[in-house]
Structures are given as C-alpha cells and as structure tokens.
Amino acid sequence: MVEISVTIAADRLEAFARDILAAAGVPAGRAALWAEVLVWSNLRGTN
C-alpha cells in the first residue's frame, strides 16, 4: 500500500476550516475561533 502525505499551510487550513464551519451555520466569530484552535492543536501534534 502506498501512503501519501500532504502538507497544507496553516493559514490556508485555518481559512478552509473556518469556511466549512461557517457554511454549516456556525456564526462567523465562533467559526474563526474554532478553526484557529483546531489548527493550533494540530500543529502541536494533538489530533
């Protein structure tokens, strides 16, 4: 089996997560905060 690794810049990942949350109906401020925390925790190695 071939394993593929993809690297995405943190700022782009945060914007993507924010947009997904907002599209799901999360208010803009909360979507931005949640996206920031998700990316921050991922960068720390907490998945």
N, C-alpha and C. Protein backbone atom coordinates (compact mmCIF):
# COMPACT_ATOMS: atom_id res chain seq x y z
N MET A 1 0.84 -1.17 0.00
CA MET A 1 0.00 0.00 0.00
C MET A 1 0.89 1.24 0.00
N VAL A 2 0.53 2.22 -0.79
CA VAL A 2 1.28 3.46 -0.88
C VAL A 2 0.64 4.49 0.05
N GLU A 3 1.47 5.11 0.86
CA GLU A 3 0.98 6.15 1.76
C GLU A 3 1.37 7.50 1.18
N ILE A 4 0.41 8.40 1.08
CA ILE A 4 0.64 9.73 0.54
C ILE A 4 0.49 10.75 1.65
N SER A 5 1.46 11.64 1.74
CA SER A 5 1.43 12.70 2.75
C SER A 5 1.23 14.04 2.06
N VAL A 6 0.32 14.83 2.58
CA VAL A 6 0.02 16.14 2.01
C VAL A 6 0.27 17.19 3.09
N THR A 7 0.98 18.24 2.71
CA THR A 7 1.23 19.34 3.64
C THR A 7 0.45 20.56 3.18
N ILE A 8 -0.29 21.15 4.09
CA ILE A 8 -1.08 22.34 3.79
C ILE A 8 -0.64 23.44 4.75
N ALA A 9 -0.41 24.64 4.24
CA ALA A 9 -0.01 25.76 5.08
C ALA A 9 -1.08 26.03 6.14
N ALA A 10 -0.63 26.35 7.34
CA ALA A 10 -1.55 26.54 8.47
C ALA A 10 -2.60 27.61 8.19
N ASP A 11 -2.21 28.70 7.59
CA ASP A 11 -3.18 29.77 7.34
C ASP A 11 -4.24 29.34 6.33
N ARG A 12 -3.86 28.56 5.34
CA ARG A 12 -4.84 28.06 4.36
C ARG A 12 -5.76 27.04 4.99
N LEU A 13 -5.20 26.17 5.85
CA LEU A 13 -6.02 25.18 6.53
C LEU A 13 -7.02 25.85 7.47
N GLU A 14 -6.56 26.89 8.17
CA GLU A 14 -7.46 27.61 9.08
C GLU A 14 -8.60 28.27 8.31
N ALA A 15 -8.28 28.88 7.17
CA ALA A 15 -9.32 29.52 6.35
C ALA A 15 -10.31 28.48 5.83
N PHE A 16 -9.80 27.32 5.42
CA PHE A 16 -10.66 26.25 4.93
C PHE A 16 -11.60 25.76 6.03
N ALA A 17 -11.05 25.52 7.21
CA ALA A 17 -11.86 25.06 8.34
C ALA A 17 -12.91 26.12 8.71
N ARG A 18 -12.50 27.38 8.73
CA ARG A 18 -13.43 28.46 9.05
C ARG A 18 -14.58 28.49 8.05
N ASP A 19 -14.25 28.36 6.76
CA ASP A 19 -15.29 28.40 5.73
C ASP A 19 -16.25 27.22 5.84
N ILE A 20 -15.73 26.04 6.16
CA ILE A 20 -16.59 24.87 6.33
C ILE A 20 -17.53 25.07 7.51
N LEU A 21 -16.98 25.55 8.62
CA LEU A 21 -17.82 25.78 9.80
C LEU A 21 -18.89 26.83 9.53
N ALA A 22 -18.50 27.91 8.85
CA ALA A 22 -19.46 28.97 8.53
C ALA A 22 -20.55 28.44 7.60
N ALA A 23 -20.16 27.62 6.63
CA ALA A 23 -21.14 27.05 5.70
C ALA A 23 -22.12 26.12 6.42
N ALA A 24 -21.66 25.55 7.53
CA ALA A 24 -22.53 24.66 8.32
C ALA A 24 -23.42 25.44 9.28
N GLY A 25 -23.30 26.77 9.27
CA GLY A 25 -24.18 27.60 10.08
C GLY A 25 -23.58 28.13 11.37
N VAL A 26 -22.30 27.88 11.60
CA VAL A 26 -21.64 28.40 12.80
C VAL A 26 -21.42 29.90 12.60
N PRO A 27 -21.77 30.73 13.57
CA PRO A 27 -21.55 32.17 13.43
C PRO A 27 -20.08 32.48 13.13
N ALA A 28 -19.84 33.51 12.35
CA ALA A 28 -18.51 33.84 11.84
C ALA A 28 -17.44 33.91 12.93
N GLY A 29 -17.73 34.58 14.03
CA GLY A 29 -16.76 34.72 15.11
C GLY A 29 -16.37 33.39 15.73
N ARG A 30 -17.37 32.56 15.95
CA ARG A 30 -17.09 31.23 16.53
C ARG A 30 -16.39 30.33 15.53
N ALA A 31 -16.78 30.41 14.27
CA ALA A 31 -16.13 29.61 13.23
C ALA A 31 -14.64 29.95 13.16
N ALA A 32 -14.32 31.23 13.23
CA ALA A 32 -12.91 31.65 13.18
C ALA A 32 -12.15 31.15 14.40
N LEU A 33 -12.76 31.25 15.57
CA LEU A 33 -12.10 30.78 16.79
C LEU A 33 -11.90 29.27 16.77
N TRP A 34 -12.93 28.53 16.40
CA TRP A 34 -12.82 27.07 16.36
C TRP A 34 -11.77 26.63 15.35
N ALA A 35 -11.75 27.28 14.19
CA ALA A 35 -10.76 26.94 13.16
C ALA A 35 -9.35 27.21 13.69
N GLU A 36 -9.16 28.33 14.36
CA GLU A 36 -7.86 28.66 14.92
C GLU A 36 -7.41 27.60 15.93
N VAL A 37 -8.31 27.20 16.81
CA VAL A 37 -7.99 26.20 17.83
C VAL A 37 -7.70 24.83 17.20
N LEU A 38 -8.49 24.44 16.21
CA LEU A 38 -8.26 23.17 15.54
C LEU A 38 -6.87 23.11 14.90
N VAL A 39 -6.50 24.16 14.19
CA VAL A 39 -5.20 24.19 13.52
C VAL A 39 -4.09 24.28 14.56
N TRP A 40 -4.26 25.09 15.58
CA TRP A 40 -3.25 25.20 16.65
C TRP A 40 -3.00 23.85 17.30
N SER A 41 -4.07 23.13 17.61
CA SER A 41 -3.91 21.83 18.26
C SER A 41 -3.25 20.83 17.31
N ASN A 42 -3.56 20.90 16.04
CA ASN A 42 -2.93 20.02 15.06
C ASN A 42 -1.42 20.31 14.95
N LEU A 43 -1.06 21.57 14.97
CA LEU A 43 0.36 21.94 14.90
C LEU A 43 1.12 21.47 16.14
N ARG A 44 0.44 21.37 17.27
CA ARG A 44 1.05 20.87 18.50
C ARG A 44 1.17 19.35 18.49
N GLY A 45 0.49 18.71 17.56
CA GLY A 45 0.54 17.26 17.49
C GLY A 45 -0.62 16.59 18.19
N THR A 46 -1.63 17.36 18.57
CA THR A 46 -2.82 16.83 19.22
C THR A 46 -3.90 16.66 18.17
N ASN A 47 -4.09 15.44 17.74
CA ASN A 47 -5.09 15.20 16.67
C ASN A 47 -6.33 14.57 17.21
